[in-house]
Amino acid sequence: MLFNDGGAYETSMGTWSRLVGDVFIDWLQVARDLKWLDVGCGNGAFSGLISNSCFPKQVVAIDPSSEQIDFARTRSDATDVNFRVGNAMSIEEDDNTFDLAVMALVIFFVPDPPKGVSEMVRVVKKGGLVTSYTWDTLNKGSPSSLITGHLIDMGFKPDSLPNPQVSEMAALNKLWTEAGIIDLKSDVITVERRFRDVDEYWDISCLFPNIQKIVPNLTPDHVIDLKTRIEEDLTVGDDGMLYQTAKANAIMGTVT
């Protein structure tokens, strides 16, 4: 699946998440009036997408960060979402409660991914869906992979994910199969974003959390060197703008 952001470029880091989230929702093709559980909801962006695109009966969204939950509760696009502080590996919901549980760009942050998947299975009804999508970080599919790779080559050490190995498609299929989930479907989501120039690319990309921590250690010469390396790797379109693609692996299956 390929989605192009058309002509619009935005300065928010969340643009990448919205691009891939829109395609994922289209791929799911689920019915209306379902009870959703959004596991690891972060700032609530995907929860809002569920609320506004899927006509749900109920959306419960959990995240371990009280600060993220506090922010999510202020979102104007997610006023009907029930945001709660919660742990993906110990979900405080009864068995067989939801029609669908999802982890959006979060499974590689879960300390024990198999436990997280088994918890989603537990709280989803028989015949319901357990699903996830994640940047393919091991195969440089993440939006931050380009800049992270160059920073490593320059001697810097961006923070790594707790469990990047689960971002691969084979690993996701193994996780879902071992959790007893059946009728698996998976796909690669490719999204594309464009930038006016390398300065805009840098202004946006330096906001990624793992990059943000390194920025104070970069000298002006480091930044010039980094921009030169980045510009050489980005595709230049006929319109003169710079293009970057990112890839995410999506999976869904049915609870038995």
Protein backbone atom coordinates (compact mmCIF):
# COMPACT_ATOMS: atom_id res chain seq x y z
CA MET A 1 0.00 0.00 0.00
CA LEU A 2 1.31 3.45 -0.89
CA PHE A 3 0.03 6.79 0.32
CA ASN A 4 1.39 10.13 -0.83
CA ASP A 5 0.70 13.29 1.13
CA GLY A 6 -0.25 15.16 -2.04
CA GLY A 7 1.01 18.71 -1.98
CA ALA A 8 0.74 19.47 1.67
CA TYR A 9 3.80 19.63 3.86
CA GLU A 10 3.45 20.33 7.52
CA THR A 11 5.90 21.29 10.21
CA SER A 12 4.51 18.98 12.90
CA MET A 13 6.40 15.79 13.69
CA GLY A 14 3.03 14.08 14.00
CA THR A 15 2.46 14.28 10.25
CA TRP A 16 4.24 10.96 9.72
CA SER A 17 2.01 9.28 12.29
CA ARG A 18 -1.14 10.69 10.71
CA LEU A 19 -0.08 9.56 7.25
CA VAL A 20 0.48 5.96 8.29
CA GLY A 21 -2.51 5.93 10.64
CA ASP A 22 -4.90 6.96 7.87
CA VAL A 23 -3.71 4.14 5.62
CA PHE A 24 -3.90 1.63 8.46
CA ILE A 25 -7.51 2.55 9.22
CA ASP A 26 -8.42 2.09 5.55
CA TRP A 27 -6.66 -1.27 5.52
CA LEU A 28 -8.55 -2.57 8.55
CA GLN A 29 -11.98 -2.02 6.96
CA VAL A 30 -13.82 -2.76 10.21
CA ALA A 31 -17.50 -2.32 10.99
CA ARG A 32 -19.05 0.57 12.89
CA ASP A 33 -20.25 0.49 16.50
CA LEU A 34 -17.31 -1.49 17.84
CA LYS A 35 -15.67 -1.23 21.24
CA TRP A 36 -12.01 -0.27 20.71
CA LEU A 37 -8.99 -0.47 23.01
CA ASP A 38 -6.01 1.69 22.00
CA VAL A 39 -2.97 0.31 23.85
CA GLY A 40 -0.07 2.73 24.29
CA CYS A 41 -2.07 5.69 23.04
CA GLY A 42 0.59 8.31 23.79
CA ASN A 43 -0.76 11.80 23.14
CA GLY A 44 -4.04 10.40 21.79
CA ALA A 45 -3.53 11.17 18.11
CA PHE A 46 -4.51 7.70 16.87
CA SER A 47 -7.34 7.52 19.41
CA GLY A 48 -8.74 10.66 17.83
CA LEU A 49 -8.42 9.09 14.40
CA ILE A 50 -10.43 6.07 15.59
CA SER A 51 -13.06 8.36 17.06
CA ASN A 52 -13.44 10.43 13.89
CA SER A 53 -12.96 7.79 11.19
CA CYS A 54 -14.36 4.48 12.51
CA PHE A 55 -17.71 5.43 14.06
CA PRO A 56 -16.93 3.42 17.21
CA LYS A 57 -19.36 2.56 19.98
CA GLN A 58 -16.65 3.14 22.57
CA VAL A 59 -12.94 3.95 22.64
CA VAL A 60 -10.79 3.26 25.69
CA ALA A 61 -7.17 4.40 25.37
CA ILE A 62 -4.38 3.60 27.83
CA ASP A 63 -0.79 4.72 28.27
CA PRO A 64 1.70 4.39 31.16
CA SER A 65 2.53 8.10 31.06
CA SER A 66 0.20 10.27 33.13
CA GLU A 67 1.59 13.34 31.33
CA GLN A 68 0.62 11.90 27.95
CA ILE A 69 -2.84 10.98 29.23
CA ASP A 70 -3.32 14.47 30.65
CA PHE A 71 -2.45 15.95 27.27
CA ALA A 72 -4.64 13.46 25.39
CA ARG A 73 -7.64 14.50 27.46
CA THR A 74 -7.27 18.05 26.11
CA ARG A 75 -7.57 16.97 22.46
CA SER A 76 -10.53 18.49 20.66
CA ASP A 77 -10.60 15.57 18.22
CA ALA A 78 -10.93 12.92 20.94
CA THR A 79 -13.46 14.31 23.42
CA ASP A 80 -15.44 11.05 23.51
CA VAL A 81 -12.40 8.84 24.16
CA ASN A 82 -11.95 7.41 27.66
CA PHE A 83 -8.25 8.04 28.33
CA ARG A 84 -6.72 6.17 31.27
CA VAL A 85 -3.25 5.54 32.69
CA GLY A 86 -2.55 1.87 32.07
CA ASN A 87 0.08 -0.78 31.46
CA ALA A 88 0.13 -2.76 28.19
CA MET A 89 1.40 -5.84 30.04
CA SER A 90 -1.31 -5.71 32.71
CA ILE A 91 -4.44 -4.18 31.22
CA GLU A 92 -7.00 -3.27 33.88
CA GLU A 93 -10.00 -4.44 31.86
CA ASP A 94 -12.16 -7.54 32.14
CA ASP A 95 -11.79 -10.50 29.82
CA ASN A 96 -13.81 -10.47 26.59
CA THR A 97 -14.61 -6.75 26.79
CA PHE A 98 -13.60 -5.25 23.44
CA ASP A 99 -14.28 -5.96 19.79
CA LEU A 100 -10.86 -4.75 18.74
CA ALA A 101 -7.52 -3.94 20.39
CA VAL A 102 -4.73 -2.08 18.64
CA MET A 103 -1.14 -1.01 19.26
CA ALA A 104 -0.26 1.93 17.02
CA LEU A 105 3.48 2.51 16.51
CA VAL A 106 4.15 1.25 20.02
CA ILE A 107 4.84 -2.49 20.19
CA PHE A 108 8.62 -2.01 20.05
CA PHE A 109 8.38 0.12 23.21
CA VAL A 110 6.67 -2.65 25.21
CA PRO A 111 9.21 -4.31 27.56
CA ASP A 112 7.63 -7.76 27.04
CA PRO A 113 5.91 -7.81 23.61
CA PRO A 114 4.48 -11.38 23.92
CA LYS A 115 2.85 -10.41 27.22
CA GLY A 116 1.43 -7.28 25.64
CA VAL A 117 -0.10 -9.25 22.79
CA SER A 118 -1.52 -11.88 25.16
CA GLU A 119 -3.16 -9.11 27.21
CA MET A 120 -4.84 -7.74 24.09
CA VAL A 121 -6.08 -11.25 23.30
CA ARG A 122 -7.46 -11.61 26.82
CA VAL A 123 -9.56 -8.45 26.74
CA VAL A 124 -10.89 -8.95 23.20
CA LYS A 125 -14.03 -11.00 22.59
CA LYS A 126 -14.00 -14.26 20.66
CA GLY A 127 -14.08 -13.36 16.99
CA GLY A 128 -12.67 -9.89 17.67
CA LEU A 129 -9.51 -8.42 16.19
CA VAL A 130 -6.05 -7.90 17.64
CA THR A 131 -3.98 -5.64 15.44
CA SER A 132 -0.90 -3.45 15.30
CA TYR A 133 1.30 -1.44 12.98
CA THR A 134 4.88 -0.43 13.60
CA TRP A 135 7.68 1.36 11.80
CA ASP A 136 10.01 -1.24 10.28
CA THR A 137 12.97 0.05 12.25
CA LEU A 138 15.35 -2.87 11.66
CA ASN A 139 15.06 -2.37 7.91
CA LYS A 140 15.42 1.42 8.14
CA GLY A 141 11.73 2.02 7.55
CA SER A 142 11.27 4.57 10.32
CA PRO A 143 11.09 8.28 9.39
CA SER A 144 14.03 8.87 11.74
CA SER A 145 16.21 6.08 10.29
CA LEU A 146 17.96 8.32 7.76
CA ILE A 147 19.08 10.96 10.23
CA THR A 148 19.82 8.39 12.94
CA GLY A 149 22.11 6.45 10.60
CA HIS A 150 24.11 9.54 9.75
CA LEU A 151 24.43 10.56 13.40
CA ILE A 152 25.82 7.10 14.20
CA ASP A 153 28.32 7.44 11.34
CA MET A 154 29.37 10.78 12.85
CA GLY A 155 30.05 9.15 16.21
CA PHE A 156 26.85 9.97 18.07
CA LYS A 157 24.63 7.39 19.75
CA PRO A 158 20.88 8.05 19.48
CA ASP A 159 18.72 6.14 21.94
CA SER A 160 17.54 2.78 20.62
CA LEU A 161 14.16 1.14 21.08
CA PRO A 162 13.72 -1.51 23.81
CA ASN A 163 12.60 -4.20 21.33
CA PRO A 164 13.26 -3.13 17.73
CA GLN A 165 13.28 -6.75 16.54
CA VAL A 166 9.49 -7.02 16.82
CA SER A 167 9.06 -4.41 14.10
CA GLU A 168 9.90 -6.94 11.38
CA MET A 169 7.01 -8.62 9.61
CA ALA A 170 8.23 -12.15 10.39
CA ALA A 171 8.51 -11.28 14.09
CA LEU A 172 5.00 -9.82 14.17
CA ASN A 173 3.54 -12.91 12.52
CA LYS A 174 5.37 -15.10 15.03
CA LEU A 175 4.06 -13.06 17.97
CA TRP A 176 0.47 -13.23 16.73
CA THR A 177 0.68 -16.95 15.92
CA GLU A 178 2.15 -17.86 19.30
CA ALA A 179 -0.64 -15.88 20.99
CA GLY A 180 -3.18 -18.19 19.33
CA ILE A 181 -4.52 -15.55 16.96
CA ILE A 182 -5.83 -16.94 13.67
CA ASP A 183 -6.71 -15.70 10.16
CA LEU A 184 -3.67 -13.45 10.10
CA LYS A 185 -3.38 -10.70 7.54
CA SER A 186 -0.36 -8.47 7.14
CA ASP A 187 0.82 -5.76 4.80
CA VAL A 188 3.51 -3.14 4.36
CA ILE A 189 2.36 0.46 4.51
CA THR A 190 4.55 2.92 2.61
CA VAL A 191 4.04 6.64 3.13
CA GLU A 192 5.80 9.57 1.54
CA ARG A 193 6.41 13.09 2.69
CA ARG A 194 8.00 16.06 0.97
CA PHE A 195 10.02 19.01 2.21
CA ARG A 196 10.85 22.41 0.75
CA ASP A 197 14.56 22.00 1.44
CA VAL A 198 17.02 20.33 3.78
CA ASP A 199 16.55 23.08 6.37
CA GLU A 200 12.85 22.26 6.69
CA TYR A 201 13.72 18.56 6.87
CA TRP A 202 16.15 19.24 9.71
CA ASP A 203 13.76 21.51 11.59
CA ILE A 204 11.15 18.72 11.59
CA SER A 205 13.38 15.68 12.06
CA CYS A 206 15.33 17.10 15.00
CA LEU A 207 12.06 16.95 16.98
CA PHE A 208 12.05 13.16 17.08
CA PRO A 209 12.70 12.19 20.72
CA ASN A 210 15.84 10.14 20.03
CA ILE A 211 17.27 12.98 17.93
CA GLN A 212 16.20 15.76 20.28
CA LYS A 213 18.53 14.50 23.00
CA ILE A 214 21.54 14.77 20.71
CA VAL A 215 20.85 18.23 19.29
CA PRO A 216 22.44 20.13 22.24
CA ASN A 217 25.70 18.25 21.55
CA LEU A 218 25.87 19.27 17.89
CA THR A 219 28.12 22.13 16.86
CA PRO A 220 27.22 24.34 13.87
CA ASP A 221 29.79 22.38 11.83
CA HIS A 222 28.12 19.11 12.86
CA VAL A 223 24.77 20.40 11.67
CA ILE A 224 26.21 21.53 8.32
CA ASP A 225 27.85 18.12 7.85
CA LEU A 226 24.64 16.33 8.81
CA LYS A 227 22.50 18.37 6.42
CA THR A 228 24.94 17.67 3.58
CA ARG A 229 24.75 13.93 4.24
CA ILE A 230 20.95 14.01 4.47
CA GLU A 231 20.49 16.01 1.28
CA GLU A 232 22.57 13.49 -0.66
CA ASP A 233 20.21 10.69 0.40
CA LEU A 234 16.85 12.37 -0.15
CA THR A 235 15.09 12.11 -3.50
CA VAL A 236 14.67 15.36 -5.42
CA GLY A 237 11.32 15.57 -7.21
CA ASP A 238 10.53 17.31 -10.49
CA ASP A 239 9.08 20.10 -8.38
CA GLY A 240 12.47 20.65 -6.72
CA MET A 241 11.25 19.43 -3.34
CA LEU A 242 12.91 16.72 -1.27
CA TYR A 243 11.06 13.43 -0.79
CA GLN A 244 11.36 10.77 1.90
CA THR A 245 9.46 7.51 2.28
CA ALA A 246 8.87 5.48 5.42
CA LYS A 247 7.55 1.95 5.86
CA ALA A 248 5.46 0.32 8.55
CA ASN A 249 4.44 -3.30 9.01
CA ALA A 250 0.76 -3.91 9.79
CA ILE A 251 -0.83 -7.10 11.12
CA MET A 252 -4.27 -8.20 12.27
CA GLY A 253 -5.88 -11.47 13.30
CA THR A 254 -8.91 -12.99 14.96
CA VAL A 255 -9.21 -14.09 18.59
CA THR A 256 -10.34 -17.68 19.09
